């Protein structure tokens, strides 16, 4: 049977890399450093996947816009102090290798900056496996469809053969806005009930479940 999806696009944080806890802790630490009431864990985790400025706008709604860059700088300092210790989810590397061997084109669409994704690619060793990527400082933040639209244009494929995989409602909403099918993963930032409300094709509880679905359906 031929491939159902030619292009498979992954979110990064909370989907391939187990970084949700580090992001939440870094956002809260940055706010505390600057004397700002830190967001709750729930609010901080909800904004994962957005571009950093959009994320701060949602996580710290009372923060004056002129202070965004101060918080962003402190956030990056806290996160970069942790990111060498972050690991891929168990089975993620094998899954990417399996999809590549099956002939799928692979890409990343992330709320990270280009510098942040390049660093994550280097730390994880996964960079060479992906054919393309888009970051939040190059495109509109999720859930705007620009990242997916540009990736499909780059590879010359349509929405009907493209699949988006992510751990947040922002990922699934971006897919819908781009008219692309989506899978949710419930082991990252957003809870299963929130992901299922966006009607993905499937919602996996771990990488092994995700791999099994893709092996049969993609």
N, C-alpha and C. Protein backbone atom coordinates (compact mmCIF):
# COMPACT_ATOMS: atom_id res chain seq x y z
N UNK A 1 0.84 -1.19 0.00
CA UNK A 1 0.00 0.00 0.00
C UNK A 1 0.88 1.24 0.00
N UNK A 2 0.53 2.23 -0.81
CA UNK A 2 1.31 3.44 -0.90
C UNK A 2 1.19 4.30 0.35
N UNK A 3 2.05 5.29 0.43
CA UNK A 3 2.02 6.21 1.57
C UNK A 3 0.78 7.08 1.52
N UNK A 4 0.14 7.25 2.65
CA UNK A 4 -1.01 8.15 2.75
C UNK A 4 -0.55 9.60 2.87
N UNK A 5 0.55 9.81 3.62
CA UNK A 5 1.08 11.15 3.84
C UNK A 5 2.51 11.23 3.31
N UNK A 6 2.74 12.14 2.39
CA UNK A 6 4.09 12.32 1.86
C UNK A 6 4.95 13.16 2.80
N UNK A 7 4.33 14.20 3.39
CA UNK A 7 5.06 15.11 4.28
C UNK A 7 4.51 14.98 5.70
N UNK A 8 5.38 14.68 6.66
CA UNK A 8 4.99 14.60 8.06
C UNK A 8 5.75 15.68 8.81
N UNK A 9 5.00 16.56 9.48
CA UNK A 9 5.58 17.71 10.18
C UNK A 9 5.40 17.51 11.68
N UNK A 10 6.49 17.63 12.41
CA UNK A 10 6.47 17.49 13.86
C UNK A 10 6.65 18.84 14.55
N UNK A 11 5.90 19.06 15.61
CA UNK A 11 6.27 20.05 16.59
C UNK A 11 7.51 19.53 17.32
N UNK A 12 8.21 20.38 18.06
CA UNK A 12 9.43 19.94 18.74
C UNK A 12 9.20 19.74 20.24
N UNK A 13 9.05 20.85 20.98
CA UNK A 13 8.94 20.77 22.44
C UNK A 13 7.66 20.06 22.85
N UNK A 14 7.80 19.02 23.67
CA UNK A 14 6.65 18.27 24.14
C UNK A 14 6.15 17.21 23.19
N UNK A 15 6.72 17.17 21.98
CA UNK A 15 6.34 16.17 20.99
C UNK A 15 7.49 15.22 20.71
N UNK A 16 8.67 15.77 20.41
CA UNK A 16 9.86 14.96 20.23
C UNK A 16 10.81 15.07 21.43
N UNK A 17 10.89 16.26 22.01
CA UNK A 17 11.80 16.46 23.15
C UNK A 17 11.00 16.69 24.43
N UNK A 18 11.45 16.06 25.50
CA UNK A 18 10.78 16.15 26.79
C UNK A 18 11.22 17.44 27.50
N UNK A 19 10.70 18.56 27.04
CA UNK A 19 11.17 19.87 27.50
C UNK A 19 10.08 20.70 28.16
N UNK A 20 8.87 20.16 28.29
CA UNK A 20 7.77 20.95 28.86
C UNK A 20 8.10 21.45 30.26
N UNK A 21 8.61 20.59 31.12
CA UNK A 21 8.92 21.00 32.48
C UNK A 21 9.96 22.10 32.54
N UNK A 22 10.98 22.01 31.68
CA UNK A 22 12.03 23.03 31.66
C UNK A 22 11.49 24.37 31.18
N UNK A 23 10.58 24.34 30.20
CA UNK A 23 10.00 25.59 29.71
C UNK A 23 9.16 26.26 30.78
N UNK A 24 8.31 25.47 31.44
CA UNK A 24 7.45 26.02 32.50
C UNK A 24 8.32 26.61 33.61
N UNK A 25 9.32 25.88 34.05
CA UNK A 25 10.18 26.36 35.13
C UNK A 25 10.93 27.62 34.73
N UNK A 26 11.35 27.70 33.47
CA UNK A 26 12.11 28.86 33.01
C UNK A 26 11.24 30.10 32.92
N UNK A 27 9.99 29.93 32.48
CA UNK A 27 9.07 31.07 32.43
C UNK A 27 8.82 31.60 33.83
N UNK A 28 8.57 30.70 34.77
CA UNK A 28 8.28 31.11 36.14
C UNK A 28 9.51 31.75 36.79
N UNK A 29 10.68 31.20 36.55
CA UNK A 29 11.90 31.76 37.13
C UNK A 29 12.20 33.14 36.56
N UNK A 30 11.97 33.33 35.26
CA UNK A 30 12.20 34.64 34.64
C UNK A 30 11.30 35.69 35.26
N UNK A 31 10.03 35.36 35.45
CA UNK A 31 9.10 36.31 36.07
C UNK A 31 9.55 36.64 37.49
N UNK A 32 9.92 35.63 38.26
CA UNK A 32 10.35 35.84 39.64
C UNK A 32 11.58 36.73 39.70
N UNK A 33 12.53 36.50 38.81
CA UNK A 33 13.76 37.31 38.78
C UNK A 33 13.45 38.80 38.66
N UNK A 34 12.38 39.11 37.92
CA UNK A 34 12.06 40.51 37.63
C UNK A 34 10.95 41.05 38.52
N UNK A 35 10.65 40.32 39.60
CA UNK A 35 9.66 40.81 40.53
C UNK A 35 8.24 40.76 40.02
N UNK A 36 7.96 39.85 39.08
CA UNK A 36 6.63 39.71 38.49
C UNK A 36 5.98 38.46 39.05
N UNK A 37 4.70 38.52 39.34
CA UNK A 37 3.99 37.34 39.82
C UNK A 37 4.06 36.24 38.76
N UNK A 38 4.66 35.10 39.06
CA UNK A 38 4.80 34.06 38.02
C UNK A 38 3.46 33.43 37.70
N UNK A 39 3.29 32.94 36.48
CA UNK A 39 2.05 32.27 36.10
C UNK A 39 1.94 30.91 36.78
N UNK A 40 0.75 30.38 36.84
CA UNK A 40 0.57 29.01 37.34
C UNK A 40 1.20 28.03 36.36
N UNK A 41 1.44 26.81 36.84
CA UNK A 41 1.96 25.78 35.94
C UNK A 41 1.02 25.56 34.76
N UNK A 42 -0.29 25.58 35.02
CA UNK A 42 -1.26 25.35 33.96
C UNK A 42 -1.19 26.44 32.90
N UNK A 43 -1.14 27.69 33.34
CA UNK A 43 -1.08 28.79 32.37
C UNK A 43 0.25 28.77 31.62
N UNK A 44 1.34 28.48 32.33
CA UNK A 44 2.65 28.46 31.68
C UNK A 44 2.74 27.34 30.65
N UNK A 45 2.17 26.18 30.96
CA UNK A 45 2.25 25.06 30.01
C UNK A 45 1.32 25.28 28.82
N UNK A 46 0.22 26.01 29.02
CA UNK A 46 -0.72 26.22 27.92
C UNK A 46 -0.08 26.99 26.77
N UNK A 47 0.89 27.88 27.08
CA UNK A 47 1.43 28.74 26.01
C UNK A 47 2.59 28.08 25.26
N UNK A 48 2.98 26.87 25.66
CA UNK A 48 4.07 26.18 24.95
C UNK A 48 3.64 25.93 23.52
N UNK A 49 4.56 26.23 22.59
CA UNK A 49 4.27 26.09 21.18
C UNK A 49 4.07 27.42 20.48
N UNK A 50 3.74 28.45 21.25
CA UNK A 50 3.62 29.79 20.67
C UNK A 50 5.01 30.41 20.55
N UNK A 51 5.13 31.42 19.69
CA UNK A 51 6.34 32.22 19.68
C UNK A 51 6.51 32.89 21.03
N UNK A 52 7.75 33.23 21.41
CA UNK A 52 8.01 33.66 22.78
C UNK A 52 7.23 34.90 23.17
N UNK A 53 7.15 35.90 22.32
CA UNK A 53 6.43 37.12 22.68
C UNK A 53 4.94 36.84 22.82
N UNK A 54 4.37 36.08 21.90
CA UNK A 54 2.96 35.68 22.04
C UNK A 54 2.76 34.88 23.32
N UNK A 55 3.72 34.03 23.64
CA UNK A 55 3.62 33.21 24.85
C UNK A 55 3.60 34.09 26.10
N UNK A 56 4.48 35.08 26.14
CA UNK A 56 4.52 35.96 27.31
C UNK A 56 3.24 36.78 27.41
N UNK A 57 2.70 37.17 26.30
CA UNK A 57 1.47 37.96 26.30
C UNK A 57 0.33 37.16 26.94
N UNK A 58 0.31 35.85 26.70
CA UNK A 58 -0.73 35.00 27.28
C UNK A 58 -0.40 34.58 28.71
N UNK A 59 0.86 34.29 28.98
CA UNK A 59 1.23 33.81 30.31
C UNK A 59 1.21 34.91 31.35
N UNK A 60 1.55 36.12 30.92
CA UNK A 60 1.64 37.27 31.84
C UNK A 60 0.79 38.41 31.29
N UNK A 61 -0.53 38.27 31.29
CA UNK A 61 -1.40 39.23 30.61
C UNK A 61 -1.34 40.64 31.17
N UNK A 62 -0.88 40.82 32.41
CA UNK A 62 -0.80 42.16 32.99
C UNK A 62 0.56 42.81 32.78
N UNK A 63 1.46 42.11 32.12
CA UNK A 63 2.81 42.63 31.91
C UNK A 63 2.81 43.70 30.82
N UNK A 64 3.35 44.89 31.09
CA UNK A 64 3.44 45.91 30.03
C UNK A 64 4.32 45.42 28.87
N UNK A 65 3.93 45.77 27.66
CA UNK A 65 4.64 45.28 26.48
C UNK A 65 6.11 45.67 26.50
N UNK A 66 6.43 46.81 27.12
CA UNK A 66 7.83 47.25 27.11
C UNK A 66 8.72 46.35 27.97
N UNK A 67 8.12 45.45 28.75
CA UNK A 67 8.92 44.54 29.58
C UNK A 67 9.06 43.15 28.96
N UNK A 68 8.43 42.90 27.81
CA UNK A 68 8.51 41.59 27.19
C UNK A 68 9.95 41.16 26.94
N UNK A 69 10.75 42.08 26.40
CA UNK A 69 12.12 41.70 26.06
C UNK A 69 12.94 41.38 27.29
N UNK A 70 12.69 42.06 28.41
CA UNK A 70 13.41 41.75 29.65
C UNK A 70 13.09 40.32 30.11
N UNK A 71 11.79 39.98 30.09
CA UNK A 71 11.40 38.63 30.51
C UNK A 71 11.94 37.60 29.53
N UNK A 72 11.87 37.91 28.23
CA UNK A 72 12.36 36.98 27.22
C UNK A 72 13.84 36.68 27.42
N UNK A 73 14.61 37.72 27.73
CA UNK A 73 16.05 37.52 27.95
C UNK A 73 16.29 36.62 29.14
N UNK A 74 15.59 36.87 30.25
CA UNK A 74 15.77 36.04 31.44
C UNK A 74 15.29 34.61 31.18
N UNK A 75 14.20 34.47 30.43
CA UNK A 75 13.71 33.13 30.10
C UNK A 75 14.79 32.36 29.34
N UNK A 76 15.35 32.97 28.32
CA UNK A 76 16.37 32.27 27.51
C UNK A 76 17.56 31.88 28.36
N UNK A 77 17.96 32.74 29.30
CA UNK A 77 19.09 32.40 30.17
C UNK A 77 18.78 31.18 31.02
N UNK A 78 17.59 31.15 31.60
CA UNK A 78 17.21 30.00 32.41
C UNK A 78 17.09 28.73 31.56
N UNK A 79 16.47 28.86 30.39
CA UNK A 79 16.25 27.66 29.57
C UNK A 79 17.57 27.10 29.04
N UNK A 80 18.45 27.99 28.59
CA UNK A 80 19.72 27.52 28.03
C UNK A 80 20.60 26.88 29.09
N UNK A 81 20.39 27.25 30.35
CA UNK A 81 21.15 26.60 31.42
C UNK A 81 20.70 25.16 31.63
N UNK A 82 19.50 24.82 31.11
CA UNK A 82 18.95 23.48 31.29
C UNK A 82 19.01 22.62 30.03
N UNK A 83 19.11 23.25 28.85
CA UNK A 83 18.77 22.50 27.63
C UNK A 83 19.78 21.41 27.27
N UNK A 84 21.00 21.49 27.78
CA UNK A 84 21.95 20.41 27.52
C UNK A 84 21.52 19.11 28.21
N UNK A 85 20.67 19.24 29.24
CA UNK A 85 20.23 18.06 29.98
C UNK A 85 18.92 17.49 29.46
N UNK A 86 18.29 18.17 28.49
CA UNK A 86 17.01 17.70 27.98
C UNK A 86 17.21 16.50 27.05
N UNK A 87 16.25 15.60 27.09
CA UNK A 87 16.35 14.37 26.30
C UNK A 87 15.15 14.24 25.37
N UNK A 88 15.35 13.54 24.27
CA UNK A 88 14.24 13.15 23.43
C UNK A 88 13.36 12.16 24.19
N UNK A 89 12.07 12.15 23.88
CA UNK A 89 11.20 11.12 24.45
C UNK A 89 11.69 9.75 23.99
N UNK A 90 11.55 8.78 24.85
CA UNK A 90 11.95 7.41 24.51
C UNK A 90 11.25 6.96 23.24
N UNK A 91 12.03 6.51 22.28
CA UNK A 91 11.49 6.03 21.02
C UNK A 91 11.39 7.06 19.93
N UNK A 92 11.63 8.34 20.26
CA UNK A 92 11.46 9.39 19.25
C UNK A 92 12.49 9.27 18.12
N UNK A 93 13.73 9.02 18.46
CA UNK A 93 14.75 8.92 17.43
C UNK A 93 14.48 7.73 16.50
N UNK A 94 14.10 6.60 17.07
CA UNK A 94 13.78 5.42 16.25
C UNK A 94 12.58 5.69 15.36
N UNK A 95 11.59 6.42 15.86
CA UNK A 95 10.42 6.75 15.06
C UNK A 95 10.80 7.59 13.86
N UNK A 96 11.62 8.61 14.07
CA UNK A 96 12.04 9.47 12.96
C UNK A 96 12.82 8.64 11.92
N UNK A 97 13.69 7.77 12.39
CA UNK A 97 14.46 6.93 11.46
C UNK A 97 13.54 6.00 10.67
N UNK A 98 12.53 5.47 11.32
CA UNK A 98 11.61 4.56 10.65
C UNK A 98 10.81 5.30 9.57
N UNK A 99 10.35 6.50 9.88
CA UNK A 99 9.57 7.28 8.91
C UNK A 99 10.45 7.68 7.71
N UNK A 100 11.69 8.06 8.00
CA UNK A 100 12.59 8.42 6.92
C UNK A 100 12.86 7.21 6.01
N UNK A 101 13.06 6.05 6.62
CA UNK A 101 13.32 4.84 5.84
C UNK A 101 12.12 4.45 4.98
N UNK A 102 10.92 4.81 5.45
CA UNK A 102 9.70 4.52 4.69
C UNK A 102 9.47 5.51 3.56
N UNK A 103 10.32 6.53 3.46
CA UNK A 103 10.24 7.46 2.34
C UNK A 103 9.46 8.73 2.59
N UNK A 104 9.05 8.98 3.83
CA UNK A 104 8.34 10.22 4.13
C UNK A 104 9.31 11.40 4.14
N UNK A 105 8.85 12.55 3.67
CA UNK A 105 9.56 13.79 3.89
C UNK A 105 9.23 14.26 5.30
N UNK A 106 10.24 14.72 6.04
CA UNK A 106 10.06 15.08 7.44
C UNK A 106 10.45 16.53 7.67
N UNK A 107 9.65 17.21 8.49
CA UNK A 107 9.91 18.61 8.80
C UNK A 107 9.51 18.92 10.23
N UNK A 108 9.96 20.07 10.70
CA UNK A 108 9.62 20.56 12.04
C UNK A 108 8.97 21.93 11.91
N UNK A 109 7.90 22.16 12.66
CA UNK A 109 7.27 23.47 12.78
C UNK A 109 7.18 23.77 14.27
N UNK A 110 7.88 24.80 14.73
CA UNK A 110 8.07 24.98 16.16
C UNK A 110 7.91 26.43 16.60
N UNK A 111 7.55 26.60 17.86
CA UNK A 111 7.52 27.92 18.47
C UNK A 111 8.90 28.41 18.88
N UNK A 112 9.92 27.59 18.72
CA UNK A 112 11.29 28.01 19.00
C UNK A 112 11.76 29.05 17.99
N UNK A 113 12.79 29.80 18.36
CA UNK A 113 13.49 30.62 17.39
C UNK A 113 14.39 29.73 16.55
N UNK A 114 14.89 30.26 15.44
CA UNK A 114 15.83 29.49 14.62
C UNK A 114 17.07 29.13 15.43
N UNK A 115 17.58 30.05 16.19
CA UNK A 115 18.76 29.75 17.01
C UNK A 115 18.46 28.65 18.01
N UNK A 116 17.27 28.71 18.61
CA UNK A 116 16.89 27.69 19.59
C UNK A 116 16.72 26.32 18.96
N UNK A 117 16.11 26.26 17.77
CA UNK A 117 15.93 24.97 17.11
C UNK A 117 17.27 24.40 16.65
N UNK A 118 18.13 25.25 16.10
CA UNK A 118 19.44 24.76 15.68
C UNK A 118 20.20 24.16 16.87
N UNK A 119 20.08 24.81 18.03
CA UNK A 119 20.74 24.29 19.23
C UNK A 119 20.13 22.95 19.63
N UNK A 120 18.79 22.85 19.55
CA UNK A 120 18.12 21.60 19.90
C UNK A 120 18.48 20.49 18.91
N UNK A 121 18.57 20.82 17.63
CA UNK A 121 19.01 19.85 16.62
C UNK A 121 20.40 19.32 16.96
N UNK A 122 21.29 20.22 17.34
CA UNK A 122 22.66 19.82 17.64
C UNK A 122 22.73 18.95 18.89
N UNK A 123 22.03 19.39 19.96
CA UNK A 123 22.06 18.65 21.22
C UNK A 123 21.48 17.25 21.05
N UNK A 124 20.37 17.16 20.30
CA UNK A 124 19.67 15.87 20.14
C UNK A 124 20.30 14.98 19.08
N UNK A 125 21.00 15.59 18.13
CA UNK A 125 21.55 14.83 17.00
C UNK A 125 20.54 14.53 15.91
N UNK A 126 19.33 15.06 16.03
CA UNK A 126 18.27 14.75 15.05
C UNK A 126 18.27 15.65 13.83
N UNK A 127 18.99 16.75 13.88
CA UNK A 127 18.91 17.73 12.80
C UNK A 127 19.02 17.16 11.40
N UNK A 128 20.02 16.30 11.11
CA UNK A 128 20.18 15.81 9.74
C UNK A 128 19.02 14.95 9.24
N UNK A 129 18.16 14.48 10.13
CA UNK A 129 17.05 13.63 9.69
C UNK A 129 15.92 14.44 9.06
N UNK A 130 15.87 15.73 9.32
CA UNK A 130 14.76 16.55 8.82
C UNK A 130 15.15 17.27 7.54
N UNK A 131 14.19 17.32 6.63
CA UNK A 131 14.44 17.94 5.33
C UNK A 131 14.22 19.44 5.33
N UNK A 132 13.45 19.95 6.31
CA UNK A 132 13.16 21.38 6.39
C UNK A 132 12.57 21.69 7.75
N UNK A 133 12.51 22.96 8.10
CA UNK A 133 11.91 23.38 9.37
C UNK A 133 11.49 24.84 9.27
N UNK A 134 10.55 25.21 10.14
CA UNK A 134 10.10 26.60 10.25
C UNK A 134 10.01 26.94 11.73
N UNK A 135 10.38 28.19 12.07
CA UNK A 135 10.43 28.65 13.45
C UNK A 135 9.59 29.90 13.63
N UNK A 136 9.33 30.22 14.90
CA UNK A 136 8.41 31.31 15.21
C UNK A 136 8.99 32.68 14.88
N UNK A 137 10.31 32.81 14.77
CA UNK A 137 10.88 34.10 14.39
C UNK A 137 11.03 34.24 12.89
N UNK A 138 10.55 33.25 12.13
CA UNK A 138 10.56 33.30 10.67
C UNK A 138 9.16 33.41 10.09
N UNK A 139 8.17 33.04 10.88
CA UNK A 139 6.77 32.96 10.42
C UNK A 139 5.86 33.51 11.50
N UNK A 140 4.59 33.66 11.14
CA UNK A 140 3.60 33.97 12.15
C UNK A 140 3.56 32.83 13.17
N UNK A 141 3.27 33.17 14.42
CA UNK A 141 3.16 32.17 15.46
C UNK A 141 1.95 31.26 15.22
N UNK A 142 2.03 30.03 15.68
CA UNK A 142 0.87 29.15 15.68
C UNK A 142 -0.25 29.84 16.46
N UNK A 143 -1.51 29.67 16.08
CA UNK A 143 -2.05 28.71 15.10
C UNK A 143 -2.17 29.23 13.67
N UNK A 144 -1.50 30.33 13.35
CA UNK A 144 -1.49 30.79 11.95
C UNK A 144 -0.91 29.68 11.07
N UNK A 145 -1.43 29.49 9.86
CA UNK A 145 -0.98 28.36 9.03
C UNK A 145 0.31 28.58 8.26
N UNK A 146 0.98 29.73 8.44
CA UNK A 146 2.12 30.05 7.57
C UNK A 146 3.20 28.98 7.57
N UNK A 147 3.54 28.45 8.74
CA UNK A 147 4.61 27.44 8.78
C UNK A 147 4.28 26.25 7.88
N UNK A 148 3.08 25.74 8.01
CA UNK A 148 2.68 24.59 7.19
C UNK A 148 2.54 24.98 5.72
N UNK A 149 1.98 26.14 5.47
CA UNK A 149 1.83 26.59 4.08
C UNK A 149 3.19 26.67 3.39
N UNK A 150 4.18 27.22 4.09
CA UNK A 150 5.51 27.35 3.49
C UNK A 150 6.18 25.99 3.30
N UNK A 151 6.02 25.09 4.26
CA UNK A 151 6.61 23.77 4.11
C UNK A 151 5.99 23.01 2.95
N UNK A 152 4.67 23.08 2.82
CA UNK A 152 4.02 22.40 1.69
C UNK A 152 4.48 22.99 0.37
N UNK A 153 4.63 24.30 0.31
CA UNK A 153 5.10 24.93 -0.93
C UNK A 153 6.53 24.52 -1.24
N UNK A 154 7.37 24.42 -0.20
CA UNK A 154 8.76 24.04 -0.41
C UNK A 154 8.88 22.64 -1.01
N UNK A 155 8.02 21.72 -0.56
CA UNK A 155 8.09 20.35 -1.04
C UNK A 155 7.16 20.07 -2.21
N UNK A 156 6.33 21.05 -2.57
CA UNK A 156 5.42 20.87 -3.69
C UNK A 156 4.34 19.84 -3.44
N UNK A 157 3.82 19.82 -2.21
CA UNK A 157 2.76 18.87 -1.86
C UNK A 157 1.54 19.65 -1.35
N UNK A 158 0.39 18.99 -1.37
CA UNK A 158 -0.84 19.62 -0.93
C UNK A 158 -1.25 19.20 0.47
N UNK A 159 -2.27 19.85 1.00
CA UNK A 159 -2.74 19.52 2.35
C UNK A 159 -3.20 18.07 2.50
N UNK A 160 -3.70 17.50 1.41
CA UNK A 160 -4.27 16.15 1.50
C UNK A 160 -3.22 15.08 1.75
N UNK A 161 -1.95 15.39 1.53
CA UNK A 161 -0.88 14.41 1.78
C UNK A 161 0.10 14.90 2.84
N UNK A 162 -0.36 15.83 3.67
CA UNK A 162 0.47 16.40 4.73
C UNK A 162 -0.15 16.09 6.09
N UNK A 163 0.68 15.77 7.07
CA UNK A 163 0.23 15.44 8.42
C UNK A 163 1.03 16.26 9.43
N UNK A 164 0.32 16.87 10.38
CA UNK A 164 0.96 17.62 11.47
C UNK A 164 0.81 16.84 12.76
N UNK A 165 1.90 16.75 13.54
CA UNK A 165 1.88 16.03 14.81
C UNK A 165 2.35 16.97 15.91
N UNK A 166 1.52 17.14 16.96
CA UNK A 166 1.91 18.05 18.03
C UNK A 166 1.21 17.76 19.34
N UNK A 167 1.72 18.39 20.40
CA UNK A 167 1.22 18.15 21.75
C UNK A 167 0.34 19.28 22.27
N UNK A 168 0.06 20.30 21.45
CA UNK A 168 -0.75 21.41 21.93
C UNK A 168 -1.92 21.69 20.98
N UNK A 169 -2.91 22.36 21.54
CA UNK A 169 -4.04 22.79 20.70
C UNK A 169 -3.56 23.78 19.64
N UNK A 170 -2.50 24.51 19.90
CA UNK A 170 -1.97 25.44 18.91
C UNK A 170 -1.53 24.69 17.65
N UNK A 171 -0.90 23.52 17.84
CA UNK A 171 -0.47 22.70 16.70
C UNK A 171 -1.67 22.22 15.90
N UNK A 172 -2.69 21.73 16.60
CA UNK A 172 -3.85 21.16 15.91
C UNK A 172 -4.67 22.25 15.23
N UNK A 173 -4.75 23.42 15.84
CA UNK A 173 -5.45 24.53 15.21
C UNK A 173 -4.70 25.04 13.99
N UNK A 174 -3.37 25.05 14.05
CA UNK A 174 -2.58 25.42 12.87
C UNK A 174 -2.85 24.46 11.73
N UNK A 175 -2.90 23.17 12.05
CA UNK A 175 -3.19 22.17 11.02
C UNK A 175 -4.55 22.42 10.39
N UNK A 176 -5.55 22.66 11.21
CA UNK A 176 -6.88 22.91 10.67
C UNK A 176 -6.89 24.16 9.80
N UNK A 177 -6.19 25.20 10.22
CA UNK A 177 -6.14 26.43 9.44
C UNK A 177 -5.44 26.24 8.10
N UNK A 178 -4.54 25.26 8.05
CA UNK A 178 -3.84 24.94 6.80
C UNK A 178 -4.52 23.82 6.02
N UNK A 179 -5.67 23.33 6.54
CA UNK A 179 -6.45 22.25 5.91
C UNK A 179 -5.64 20.94 5.87
N UNK A 180 -4.88 20.73 6.93
CA UNK A 180 -3.99 19.57 7.03
C UNK A 180 -4.49 18.64 8.14
N UNK A 181 -4.37 17.33 7.93
CA UNK A 181 -4.72 16.36 8.98
C UNK A 181 -3.73 16.48 10.14
N UNK A 182 -4.18 16.08 11.33
CA UNK A 182 -3.32 16.22 12.51
C UNK A 182 -3.47 15.04 13.46
N UNK A 183 -2.38 14.78 14.18
CA UNK A 183 -2.36 13.84 15.30
C UNK A 183 -1.99 14.61 16.55
N UNK A 184 -2.63 14.27 17.66
CA UNK A 184 -2.26 14.84 18.95
C UNK A 184 -1.45 13.85 19.75
N UNK A 185 -0.56 14.36 20.58
CA UNK A 185 0.16 13.50 21.52
C UNK A 185 -0.11 14.03 22.92
N UNK A 186 -0.61 13.16 23.80
CA UNK A 186 -1.10 13.58 25.11
C UNK A 186 -0.05 13.45 26.21
N UNK A 187 1.23 13.31 25.81
CA UNK A 187 2.30 13.20 26.80
C UNK A 187 3.09 14.49 26.93
N UNK A 188 2.61 15.57 26.29
CA UNK A 188 3.33 16.84 26.33
C UNK A 188 2.64 17.89 27.16
N UNK A 189 2.44 19.09 26.59
CA UNK A 189 2.01 20.26 27.37
C UNK A 189 0.51 20.32 27.63
N UNK A 190 -0.32 19.93 26.65
CA UNK A 190 -1.76 20.09 26.80
C UNK A 190 -2.44 18.76 27.11
N UNK A 191 -3.49 18.78 27.94
CA UNK A 191 -4.15 17.54 28.33
C UNK A 191 -4.93 16.91 27.18
N UNK A 192 -5.15 15.61 27.30
CA UNK A 192 -5.86 14.86 26.26
C UNK A 192 -7.21 15.48 25.92
N UNK A 193 -8.01 15.87 26.92
CA UNK A 193 -9.36 16.37 26.62
C UNK A 193 -9.31 17.63 25.76
N UNK A 194 -8.29 18.48 25.97
CA UNK A 194 -8.16 19.68 25.15
C UNK A 194 -7.76 19.33 23.72
N UNK A 195 -6.87 18.36 23.58
CA UNK A 195 -6.46 17.93 22.24
C UNK A 195 -7.62 17.27 21.50
N UNK A 196 -8.34 16.40 22.18
CA UNK A 196 -9.44 15.70 21.52
C UNK A 196 -10.55 16.64 21.09
N UNK A 197 -10.69 17.77 21.78
CA UNK A 197 -11.69 18.77 21.40
C UNK A 197 -11.39 19.37 20.04
N UNK A 198 -10.13 19.26 19.58
CA UNK A 198 -9.75 19.77 18.26
C UNK A 198 -9.91 18.71 17.16
N UNK A 199 -10.41 17.55 17.52
CA UNK A 199 -10.74 16.47 16.57
C UNK A 199 -9.56 16.02 15.70
N UNK A 200 -8.42 15.67 16.32
CA UNK A 200 -7.34 15.08 15.53
C UNK A 200 -7.72 13.69 15.03
N UNK A 201 -6.98 13.16 14.08
CA UNK A 201 -7.22 11.80 13.61
C UNK A 201 -7.03 10.78 14.73
N UNK A 202 -6.12 11.06 15.63
CA UNK A 202 -5.79 10.14 16.71
C UNK A 202 -5.04 10.93 17.77
N UNK A 203 -5.08 10.45 19.00
CA UNK A 203 -4.35 11.08 20.09
C UNK A 203 -3.58 9.99 20.84
N UNK A 204 -2.26 10.06 20.79
CA UNK A 204 -1.41 9.00 21.36
C UNK A 204 -0.96 9.35 22.76
N UNK A 205 -0.90 8.34 23.62
CA UNK A 205 -0.47 8.54 25.00
C UNK A 205 1.05 8.45 25.17
N UNK A 206 1.75 7.92 24.19
CA UNK A 206 3.20 7.81 24.25
C UNK A 206 3.75 7.63 22.85
N UNK A 207 5.07 7.67 22.72
CA UNK A 207 5.68 7.58 21.39
C UNK A 207 5.42 6.21 20.77
N UNK A 208 5.39 5.17 21.57
CA UNK A 208 5.13 3.83 21.02
C UNK A 208 3.75 3.76 20.36
N UNK A 209 2.74 4.36 20.99
CA UNK A 209 1.41 4.41 20.38
C UNK A 209 1.42 5.23 19.10
N UNK A 210 2.13 6.35 19.15
CA UNK A 210 2.23 7.20 17.95
C UNK A 210 2.89 6.43 16.81
N UNK A 211 3.97 5.72 17.11
CA UNK A 211 4.67 4.95 16.08
C UNK A 211 3.78 3.86 15.51
N UNK A 212 3.01 3.19 16.35
CA UNK A 212 2.13 2.12 15.88
C UNK A 212 1.07 2.67 14.94
N UNK A 213 0.49 3.82 15.29
CA UNK A 213 -0.52 4.44 14.41
C UNK A 213 0.09 4.81 13.07
N UNK A 214 1.25 5.44 13.12
CA UNK A 214 1.89 5.87 11.87
C UNK A 214 2.28 4.68 11.01
N UNK A 215 2.72 3.62 11.64
CA UNK A 215 3.12 2.42 10.89
C UNK A 215 1.93 1.84 10.11
N UNK A 216 0.74 1.92 10.68
CA UNK A 216 -0.44 1.35 10.06
C UNK A 216 -1.18 2.32 9.15
N UNK A 217 -1.14 3.62 9.49
CA UNK A 217 -2.03 4.58 8.85
C UNK A 217 -1.35 5.61 7.95
N UNK A 218 -0.05 5.81 8.13
CA UNK A 218 0.61 6.90 7.40
C UNK A 218 1.23 6.43 6.09
